[in-house]
């Protein structure tokens, strides 16, 4: 089954903020971060049930090279990405 990946506005903002932060730390690091997140988006699209089910219907895919977790939900044939959450932030903020 093919799943459609949809990023909510918060996830877009999280991703843009992460890219900007890493790019400001080292030239090219923002692009590396983006490529790493895109790999996880591809993995989630191909096998969305692989990642752990947390708090009710949300799943979490932890990114190994960066301190981020992708929080998503599967609804029929769609994968809704709610957040690309920086785990170094306050965990109470996590959706």
PDB file of N, CA and C in Angstrom:
ATOM      1  N   UNK A   1       0.844  -1.189   0.000  1.00  0.00           N
ATOM      2  CA  UNK A   1       0.000   0.000   0.000  1.00  0.00           C
ATOM      3  C   UNK A   1       0.884   1.245   0.000  1.00  0.00           C
ATOM      4  N   UNK A   2       0.515   2.213  -0.800  1.00  0.00           N
ATOM      5  CA  UNK A   2       1.241   3.472  -0.860  1.00  0.00           C
ATOM      6  C   UNK A   2       0.563   4.485   0.048  1.00  0.00           C
ATOM      7  N   UNK A   3       1.360   5.115   0.881  1.00  0.00           N
ATOM      8  CA  UNK A   3       0.855   6.113   1.814  1.00  0.00           C
ATOM      9  C   UNK A   3       1.260   7.510   1.349  1.00  0.00           C
ATOM     10  N   UNK A   4       0.358   8.440   1.506  1.00  0.00           N
ATOM     11  CA  UNK A   4       0.633   9.841   1.190  1.00  0.00           C
ATOM     12  C   UNK A   4       1.147  10.506   2.466  1.00  0.00           C
ATOM     13  N   UNK A   5       2.291  11.175   2.371  1.00  0.00           N
ATOM     14  CA  UNK A   5       2.903  11.857   3.513  1.00  0.00           C
ATOM     15  C   UNK A   5       2.466  13.315   3.521  1.00  0.00           C
ATOM     16  N   UNK A   6       1.906  13.760   4.641  1.00  0.00           N
ATOM     17  CA  UNK A   6       1.430  15.137   4.777  1.00  0.00           C
ATOM     18  C   UNK A   6       2.101  15.769   5.989  1.00  0.00           C
ATOM     19  N   UNK A   7       2.754  16.918   5.785  1.00  0.00           N
ATOM     20  CA  UNK A   7       3.373  17.644   6.886  1.00  0.00           C
ATOM     21  C   UNK A   7       2.449  18.771   7.330  1.00  0.00           C
ATOM     22  N   UNK A   8       2.111  18.771   8.603  1.00  0.00           N
ATOM     23  CA  UNK A   8       1.336  19.864   9.175  1.00  0.00           C
ATOM     24  C   UNK A   8       2.226  21.101   9.267  1.00  0.00           C
ATOM     25  N   UNK A   9       1.624  22.268   9.446  1.00  0.00           N
ATOM     26  CA  UNK A   9       2.393  23.515   9.469  1.00  0.00           C
ATOM     27  C   UNK A   9       3.428  23.529  10.596  1.00  0.00           C
ATOM     28  N   UNK A  10       3.103  22.942  11.746  1.00  0.00           N
ATOM     29  CA  UNK A  10       4.085  22.883  12.845  1.00  0.00           C
ATOM     30  C   UNK A  10       5.310  22.075  12.439  1.00  0.00           C
ATOM     31  N   UNK A  11       5.104  20.992  11.720  1.00  0.00           N
ATOM     32  CA  UNK A  11       6.220  20.165  11.271  1.00  0.00           C
ATOM     33  C   UNK A  11       7.088  20.920  10.269  1.00  0.00           C
ATOM     34  N   UNK A  12       6.463  21.674   9.374  1.00  0.00           N
ATOM     35  CA  UNK A  12       7.226  22.514   8.427  1.00  0.00           C
ATOM     36  C   UNK A  12       8.087  23.510   9.185  1.00  0.00           C
ATOM     37  N   UNK A  13       7.498  24.152  10.189  1.00  0.00           N
ATOM     38  CA  UNK A  13       8.234  25.147  10.984  1.00  0.00           C
ATOM     39  C   UNK A  13       9.374  24.492  11.751  1.00  0.00           C
ATOM     40  N   UNK A  14       9.102  23.347  12.381  1.00  0.00           N
ATOM     41  CA  UNK A  14      10.146  22.621  13.109  1.00  0.00           C
ATOM     42  C   UNK A  14      11.314  22.292  12.183  1.00  0.00           C
ATOM     43  N   UNK A  15      10.998  21.805  11.005  1.00  0.00           N
ATOM     44  CA  UNK A  15      12.023  21.423  10.040  1.00  0.00           C
ATOM     45  C   UNK A  15      12.825  22.638   9.583  1.00  0.00           C
ATOM     46  N   UNK A  16      12.143  23.716   9.258  1.00  0.00           N
ATOM     47  CA  UNK A  16      12.827  24.949   8.830  1.00  0.00           C
ATOM     48  C   UNK A  16      13.720  25.493   9.943  1.00  0.00           C
ATOM     49  N   UNK A  17      13.227  25.471  11.175  1.00  0.00           N
ATOM     50  CA  UNK A  17      14.023  25.946  12.316  1.00  0.00           C
ATOM     51  C   UNK A  17      15.272  25.093  12.503  1.00  0.00           C
ATOM     52  N   UNK A  18      15.119  23.778  12.368  1.00  0.00           N
ATOM     53  CA  UNK A  18      16.262  22.876  12.505  1.00  0.00           C
ATOM     54  C   UNK A  18      17.305  23.113  11.425  1.00  0.00           C
ATOM     55  N   UNK A  19      16.847  23.263  10.194  1.00  0.00           N
ATOM     56  CA  UNK A  19      17.766  23.524   9.080  1.00  0.00           C
ATOM     57  C   UNK A  19      18.519  24.832   9.324  1.00  0.00           C
ATOM     58  N   UNK A  20      17.793  25.865   9.711  1.00  0.00           N
ATOM     59  CA  UNK A  20      18.414  27.171   9.963  1.00  0.00           C
ATOM     60  C   UNK A  20      19.441  27.083  11.089  1.00  0.00           C
ATOM     61  N   UNK A  21      19.082  26.401  12.168  1.00  0.00           N
ATOM     62  CA  UNK A  21      19.999  26.279  13.310  1.00  0.00           C
ATOM     63  C   UNK A  21      21.280  25.555  12.888  1.00  0.00           C
ATOM     64  N   UNK A  22      21.151  24.391  12.256  1.00  0.00           N
ATOM     65  CA  UNK A  22      22.341  23.624  11.890  1.00  0.00           C
ATOM     66  C   UNK A  22      23.179  24.339  10.842  1.00  0.00           C
ATOM     67  N   UNK A  23      22.531  25.052   9.938  1.00  0.00           N
ATOM     68  CA  UNK A  23      23.278  25.813   8.934  1.00  0.00           C
ATOM     69  C   UNK A  23      24.077  26.931   9.598  1.00  0.00           C
ATOM     70  N   UNK A  24      23.516  27.523  10.660  1.00  0.00           N
ATOM     71  CA  UNK A  24      24.237  28.591  11.360  1.00  0.00           C
ATOM     72  C   UNK A  24      25.426  28.053  12.157  1.00  0.00           C
ATOM     73  N   UNK A  25      25.388  26.761  12.489  1.00  0.00           N
ATOM     74  CA  UNK A  25      26.480  26.142  13.240  1.00  0.00           C
ATOM     75  C   UNK A  25      27.650  25.773  12.335  1.00  0.00           C
ATOM     76  N   UNK A  26      27.323  25.283  11.144  1.00  0.00           N
ATOM     77  CA  UNK A  26      28.364  24.871  10.205  1.00  0.00           C
ATOM     78  C   UNK A  26      27.768  24.842   8.805  1.00  0.00           C
ATOM     79  N   UNK A  27      28.452  25.443   7.871  1.00  0.00           N
ATOM     80  CA  UNK A  27      27.974  25.480   6.492  1.00  0.00           C
ATOM     81  C   UNK A  27      27.789  24.054   5.977  1.00  0.00           C
ATOM     82  N   UNK A  28      26.607  23.781   5.413  1.00  0.00           N
ATOM     83  CA  UNK A  28      26.310  22.470   4.864  1.00  0.00           C
ATOM     84  C   UNK A  28      25.630  21.520   5.846  1.00  0.00           C
ATOM     85  N   UNK A  29      25.699  21.833   7.135  1.00  0.00           N
ATOM     86  CA  UNK A  29      25.095  20.957   8.138  1.00  0.00           C
ATOM     87  C   UNK A  29      23.575  20.996   8.068  1.00  0.00           C
ATOM     88  N   UNK A  30      23.013  22.134   7.706  1.00  0.00           N
ATOM     89  CA  UNK A  30      21.562  22.237   7.533  1.00  0.00           C
ATOM     90  C   UNK A  30      21.066  21.305   6.437  1.00  0.00           C
ATOM     91  N   UNK A  31      21.818  21.206   5.353  1.00  0.00           N
ATOM     92  CA  UNK A  31      21.465  20.302   4.254  1.00  0.00           C
ATOM     93  C   UNK A  31      21.595  18.841   4.695  1.00  0.00           C
ATOM     94  N   UNK A  32      22.619  18.532   5.478  1.00  0.00           N
ATOM     95  CA  UNK A  32      22.778  17.171   6.001  1.00  0.00           C
ATOM     96  C   UNK A  32      21.585  16.793   6.881  1.00  0.00           C
ATOM     97  N   UNK A  33      21.153  17.736   7.715  1.00  0.00           N
ATOM     98  CA  UNK A  33      19.989  17.510   8.569  1.00  0.00           C
ATOM     99  C   UNK A  33      18.750  17.235   7.724  1.00  0.00           C
ATOM    100  N   UNK A  34      18.525  18.053   6.705  1.00  0.00           N
ATOM    101  CA  UNK A  34      17.372  17.883   5.829  1.00  0.00           C
ATOM    102  C   UNK A  34      17.398  16.520   5.141  1.00  0.00           C
ATOM    103  N   UNK A  35      18.553  16.125   4.613  1.00  0.00           N
ATOM    104  CA  UNK A  35      18.671  14.828   3.940  1.00  0.00           C
ATOM    105  C   UNK A  35      18.382  13.685   4.904  1.00  0.00           C
ATOM    106  N   UNK A  36      18.852  13.809   6.134  1.00  0.00           N
ATOM    107  CA  UNK A  36      18.622  12.780   7.142  1.00  0.00           C
ATOM    108  C   UNK A  36      17.127  12.668   7.454  1.00  0.00           C
ATOM    109  N   UNK A  37      16.456  13.785   7.625  1.00  0.00           N
ATOM    110  CA  UNK A  37      15.016  13.784   7.899  1.00  0.00           C
ATOM    111  C   UNK A  37      14.260  13.204   6.705  1.00  0.00           C
ATOM    112  N   UNK A  38      14.665  13.564   5.495  1.00  0.00           N
ATOM    113  CA  UNK A  38      14.007  13.034   4.299  1.00  0.00           C
ATOM    114  C   UNK A  38      14.128  11.515   4.214  1.00  0.00           C
ATOM    115  N   UNK A  39      15.292  10.969   4.615  1.00  0.00           N
ATOM    116  CA  UNK A  39      15.460   9.515   4.643  1.00  0.00           C
ATOM    117  C   UNK A  39      14.432   8.881   5.581  1.00  0.00           C
ATOM    118  N   UNK A  40      14.236   9.519   6.735  1.00  0.00           N
ATOM    119  CA  UNK A  40      13.256   8.986   7.677  1.00  0.00           C
ATOM    120  C   UNK A  40      11.837   9.132   7.144  1.00  0.00           C
ATOM    121  N   UNK A  41      11.550  10.215   6.445  1.00  0.00           N
ATOM    122  CA  UNK A  41      10.229  10.349   5.809  1.00  0.00           C
ATOM    123  C   UNK A  41      10.009   9.203   4.820  1.00  0.00           C
ATOM    124  N   UNK A  42      11.047   8.869   4.046  1.00  0.00           N
ATOM    125  CA  UNK A  42      10.950   7.760   3.087  1.00  0.00           C
ATOM    126  C   UNK A  42      10.714   6.432   3.809  1.00  0.00           C
ATOM    127  N   UNK A  43      11.458   6.216   4.899  1.00  0.00           N
ATOM    128  CA  UNK A  43      11.294   4.977   5.677  1.00  0.00           C
ATOM    129  C   UNK A  43       9.886   4.875   6.246  1.00  0.00           C
ATOM    130  N   UNK A  44       9.402   5.980   6.775  1.00  0.00           N
ATOM    131  CA  UNK A  44       8.052   5.998   7.350  1.00  0.00           C
ATOM    132  C   UNK A  44       7.022   5.717   6.260  1.00  0.00           C
ATOM    133  N   UNK A  45       7.194   6.313   5.089  1.00  0.00           N
ATOM    134  CA  UNK A  45       6.259   6.106   3.976  1.00  0.00           C
ATOM    135  C   UNK A  45       6.210   4.646   3.545  1.00  0.00           C
ATOM    136  N   UNK A  46       7.360   3.993   3.542  1.00  0.00           N
ATOM    137  CA  UNK A  46       7.434   2.609   3.075  1.00  0.00           C
ATOM    138  C   UNK A  46       6.954   1.603   4.129  1.00  0.00           C
ATOM    139  N   UNK A  47       7.177   1.921   5.395  1.00  0.00           N
ATOM    140  CA  UNK A  47       6.814   0.991   6.459  1.00  0.00           C
ATOM    141  C   UNK A  47       6.359   1.774   7.700  1.00  0.00           C
ATOM    142  N   UNK A  48       5.195   2.408   7.641  1.00  0.00           N
ATOM    143  CA  UNK A  48       4.763   3.299   8.723  1.00  0.00           C
ATOM    144  C   UNK A  48       4.488   2.591  10.047  1.00  0.00           C
ATOM    145  N   UNK A  49       4.242   1.294  10.026  1.00  0.00           N
ATOM    146  CA  UNK A  49       3.937   0.575  11.265  1.00  0.00           C
ATOM    147  C   UNK A  49       5.200   0.085  11.979  1.00  0.00           C
ATOM    148  N   UNK A  50       6.351   0.317  11.389  1.00  0.00           N
ATOM    149  CA  UNK A  50       7.617  -0.113  11.979  1.00  0.00           C
ATOM    150  C   UNK A  50       7.918   0.614  13.292  1.00  0.00           C
ATOM    151  N   UNK A  51       7.590   1.878  13.351  1.00  0.00           N
ATOM    152  CA  UNK A  51       7.943   2.691  14.517  1.00  0.00           C
ATOM    153  C   UNK A  51       6.900   2.565  15.626  1.00  0.00           C
ATOM    154  N   UNK A  52       7.369   2.724  16.842  1.00  0.00           N
ATOM    155  CA  UNK A  52       6.555   2.480  18.038  1.00  0.00           C
ATOM    156  C   UNK A  52       5.323   3.360  18.128  1.00  0.00           C
ATOM    157  N   UNK A  53       4.259   2.735  18.592  1.00  0.00           N
ATOM    158  CA  UNK A  53       3.018   3.455  18.876  1.00  0.00           C
ATOM    159  C   UNK A  53       3.146   4.025  20.282  1.00  0.00           C
ATOM    160  N   UNK A  54       3.020   5.333  20.404  1.00  0.00           N
ATOM    161  CA  UNK A  54       3.109   6.016  21.697  1.00  0.00           C
ATOM    162  C   UNK A  54       1.785   6.729  21.942  1.00  0.00           C
ATOM    163  N   UNK A  55       1.601   7.197  23.130  1.00  0.00           N
ATOM    164  CA  UNK A  55       0.411   7.954  23.541  1.00  0.00           C
ATOM    165  C   UNK A  55      -0.760   7.881  22.559  1.00  0.00           C
ATOM    166  N   UNK A  56      -1.547   6.866  22.716  1.00  0.00           N
ATOM    167  CA  UNK A  56      -2.736   6.613  21.901  1.00  0.00           C
ATOM    168  C   UNK A  56      -2.371   6.253  20.468  1.00  0.00           C
ATOM    169  N   UNK A  57      -2.621   7.140  19.526  1.00  0.00           N
ATOM    170  CA  UNK A  57      -2.461   6.795  18.117  1.00  0.00           C
ATOM    171  C   UNK A  57      -1.226   7.396  17.452  1.00  0.00           C
ATOM    172  N   UNK A  58      -0.350   8.025  18.204  1.00  0.00           N
ATOM    173  CA  UNK A  58       0.827   8.661  17.625  1.00  0.00           C
ATOM    174  C   UNK A  58       2.029   7.717  17.640  1.00  0.00           C
ATOM    175  N   UNK A  59       2.815   7.791  16.574  1.00  0.00           N
ATOM    176  CA  UNK A  59       4.046   7.008  16.471  1.00  0.00           C
ATOM    177  C   UNK A  59       5.238   7.955  16.478  1.00  0.00           C
ATOM    178  N   UNK A  60       6.387   7.437  16.920  1.00  0.00           N
ATOM    179  CA  UNK A  60       7.587   8.257  17.023  1.00  0.00           C
ATOM    180  C   UNK A  60       8.760   7.553  16.345  1.00  0.00           C
ATOM    181  N   UNK A  61       9.405   8.272  15.440  1.00  0.00           N
ATOM    182  CA  UNK A  61      10.602   7.772  14.768  1.00  0.00           C
ATOM    183  C   UNK A  61      11.770   8.657  15.197  1.00  0.00           C
ATOM    184  N   UNK A  62      12.681   8.080  15.966  1.00  0.00           N
ATOM    185  CA  UNK A  62      13.837   8.840  16.453  1.00  0.00           C
ATOM    186  C   UNK A  62      14.929   8.864  15.396  1.00  0.00           C
ATOM    187  N   UNK A  63      15.432  10.061  15.122  1.00  0.00           N
ATOM    188  CA  UNK A  63      16.500  10.249  14.145  1.00  0.00           C
ATOM    189  C   UNK A  63      17.826  10.019  14.862  1.00  0.00           C
ATOM    190  N   UNK A  64      18.654   9.123  14.341  1.00  0.00           N
ATOM    191  CA  UNK A  64      19.875   8.745  15.043  1.00  0.00           C
ATOM    192  C   UNK A  64      20.946   9.839  15.066  1.00  0.00           C
ATOM    193  N   UNK A  65      21.173  10.518  13.985  1.00  0.00           N
ATOM    194  CA  UNK A  65      22.299  11.443  13.910  1.00  0.00           C
ATOM    195  C   UNK A  65      22.021  12.822  14.498  1.00  0.00           C
ATOM    196  N   UNK A  66      20.770  13.134  14.702  1.00  0.00           N
ATOM    197  CA  UNK A  66      20.384  14.434  15.241  1.00  0.00           C
ATOM    198  C   UNK A  66      19.378  14.201  16.373  1.00  0.00           C
ATOM    199  N   UNK A  67      19.317  15.112  17.352  1.00  0.00           N
ATOM    200  CA  UNK A  67      18.409  14.902  18.493  1.00  0.00           C
ATOM    201  C   UNK A  67      16.961  15.285  18.172  1.00  0.00           C
ATOM    202  N   UNK A  68      16.374  14.585  17.225  1.00  0.00           N
ATOM    203  CA  UNK A  68      15.011  14.881  16.785  1.00  0.00           C
ATOM    204  C   UNK A  68      14.194  13.594  16.734  1.00  0.00           C
ATOM    205  N   UNK A  69      12.890  13.766  16.900  1.00  0.00           N
ATOM    206  CA  UNK A  69      11.945  12.665  16.745  1.00  0.00           C
ATOM    207  C   UNK A  69      10.822  13.146  15.834  1.00  0.00           C
ATOM    208  N   UNK A  70      10.414  12.292  14.917  1.00  0.00           N
ATOM    209  CA  UNK A  70       9.300  12.602  14.019  1.00  0.00           C
ATOM    210  C   UNK A  70       8.044  11.998  14.636  1.00  0.00           C
ATOM    211  N   UNK A  71       7.057  12.831  14.887  1.00  0.00           N
ATOM    212  CA  UNK A  71       5.811  12.386  15.503  1.00  0.00           C
ATOM    213  C   UNK A  71       4.732  12.381  14.425  1.00  0.00           C
ATOM    214  N   UNK A  72       4.119  11.211  14.243  1.00  0.00           N
ATOM    215  CA  UNK A  72       3.155  11.078  13.154  1.00  0.00           C
ATOM    216  C   UNK A  72       2.013  10.150  13.526  1.00  0.00           C
ATOM    217  N   UNK A  73       1.013  10.194  12.674  1.00  0.00           N
ATOM    218  CA  UNK A  73      -0.175   9.369  12.837  1.00  0.00           C
ATOM    219  C   UNK A  73      -0.552   8.802  11.477  1.00  0.00           C
ATOM    220  N   UNK A  74      -1.038   7.564  11.469  1.00  0.00           N
ATOM    221  CA  UNK A  74      -1.495   6.931  10.240  1.00  0.00           C
ATOM    222  C   UNK A  74      -3.016   7.001  10.224  1.00  0.00           C
ATOM    223  N   UNK A  75      -3.558   7.626   9.190  1.00  0.00           N
ATOM    224  CA  UNK A  75      -5.009   7.727   9.030  1.00  0.00           C
ATOM    225  C   UNK A  75      -5.342   7.226   7.626  1.00  0.00           C
ATOM    226  N   UNK A  76      -5.885   6.033   7.580  1.00  0.00           N
ATOM    227  CA  UNK A  76      -6.215   5.355   6.327  1.00  0.00           C
ATOM    228  C   UNK A  76      -4.977   5.262   5.454  1.00  0.00           C
ATOM    229  N   UNK A  77      -4.936   5.941   4.313  1.00  0.00           N
ATOM    230  CA  UNK A  77      -3.779   5.847   3.416  1.00  0.00           C
ATOM    231  C   UNK A  77      -2.871   7.077   3.519  1.00  0.00           C
ATOM    232  N   UNK A  78      -3.013   7.826   4.605  1.00  0.00           N
ATOM    233  CA  UNK A  78      -2.195   9.025   4.798  1.00  0.00           C
ATOM    234  C   UNK A  78      -1.361   8.914   6.069  1.00  0.00           C
ATOM    235  N   UNK A  79      -0.178   9.483   5.989  1.00  0.00           N
ATOM    236  CA  UNK A  79       0.693   9.619   7.150  1.00  0.00           C
ATOM    237  C   UNK A  79       0.772  11.109   7.438  1.00  0.00           C
ATOM    238  N   UNK A  80       0.276  11.495   8.591  1.00  0.00           N
ATOM    239  CA  UNK A  80       0.268  12.908   8.977  1.00  0.00           C
ATOM    240  C   UNK A  80       1.446  13.148   9.917  1.00  0.00           C
ATOM    241  N   UNK A  81       2.376  13.993   9.498  1.00  0.00           N
ATOM    242  CA  UNK A  81       3.525  14.363  10.329  1.00  0.00           C
ATOM    243  C   UNK A  81       3.118  15.606  11.124  1.00  0.00           C
ATOM    244  N   UNK A  82       3.058  15.463  12.435  1.00  0.00           N
ATOM    245  CA  UNK A  82       2.652  16.570  13.296  1.00  0.00           C
ATOM    246  C   UNK A  82       3.825  17.399  13.769  1.00  0.00           C
ATOM    247  N   UNK A  83       4.984  16.754  13.941  1.00  0.00           N
ATOM    248  CA  UNK A  83       6.120  17.483  14.471  1.00  0.00           C
ATOM    249  C   UNK A  83       7.419  16.789  14.098  1.00  0.00           C
ATOM    250  N   UNK A  84       8.446  17.597  13.878  1.00  0.00           N
ATOM    251  CA  UNK A  84       9.820  17.134  13.798  1.00  0.00           C
ATOM    252  C   UNK A  84      10.463  17.782  15.024  1.00  0.00           C
ATOM    253  N   UNK A  85      10.334  17.062  16.141  1.00  0.00           N
ATOM    254  CA  UNK A  85      10.564  17.632  17.462  1.00  0.00           C
ATOM    255  C   UNK A  85      12.013  17.513  17.902  1.00  0.00           C
ATOM    256  N   UNK A  86      12.573  18.637  18.372  1.00  0.00           N
ATOM    257  CA  UNK A  86      13.921  18.669  18.922  1.00  0.00           C
ATOM    258  C   UNK A  86      13.858  18.129  20.349  1.00  0.00           C
ATOM    259  N   UNK A  87      14.470  16.976  20.592  1.00  0.00           N
ATOM    260  CA  UNK A  87      14.383  16.341  21.906  1.00  0.00           C
ATOM    261  C   UNK A  87      15.174  17.069  22.981  1.00  0.00           C
ATOM    262  N   UNK A  88      15.972  18.052  22.601  1.00  0.00           N
ATOM    263  CA  UNK A  88      16.679  18.852  23.600  1.00  0.00           C
ATOM    264  C   UNK A  88      15.803  19.978  24.142  1.00  0.00           C
ATOM    265  N   UNK A  89      14.620  20.134  23.561  1.00  0.00           N
ATOM    266  CA  UNK A  89      13.672  21.131  24.057  1.00  0.00           C
ATOM    267  C   UNK A  89      12.900  20.537  25.229  1.00  0.00           C
ATOM    268  N   UNK A  90      12.051  21.328  25.818  1.00  0.00           N
ATOM    269  CA  UNK A  90      11.221  20.894  26.932  1.00  0.00           C
ATOM    270  C   UNK A  90      10.292  19.758  26.475  1.00  0.00           C
ATOM    271  N   UNK A  91      10.430  18.551  27.056  1.00  0.00           N
ATOM    272  CA  UNK A  91       9.583  17.437  26.621  1.00  0.00           C
ATOM    273  C   UNK A  91       8.102  17.656  26.890  1.00  0.00           C
ATOM    274  N   UNK A  92       7.745  18.584  27.749  1.00  0.00           N
ATOM    275  CA  UNK A  92       6.330  18.887  28.012  1.00  0.00           C
ATOM    276  C   UNK A  92       5.677  19.513  26.782  1.00  0.00           C
ATOM    277  N   UNK A  93       6.486  20.130  25.912  1.00  0.00           N
ATOM    278  CA  UNK A  93       5.965  20.773  24.711  1.00  0.00           C
ATOM    279  C   UNK A  93       5.643  19.761  23.621  1.00  0.00           C
ATOM    280  N   UNK A  94       6.207  18.574  23.712  1.00  0.00           N
ATOM    281  CA  UNK A  94       6.024  17.575  22.656  1.00  0.00           C
ATOM    282  C   UNK A  94       4.548  17.271  22.472  1.00  0.00           C
ATOM    283  N   UNK A  95       4.068  17.288  21.203  1.00  0.00           N
ATOM    284  CA  UNK A  95       2.649  17.039  20.960  1.00  0.00           C
ATOM    285  C   UNK A  95       2.220  15.637  21.338  1.00  0.00           C
TER     286      UNK A  95
END
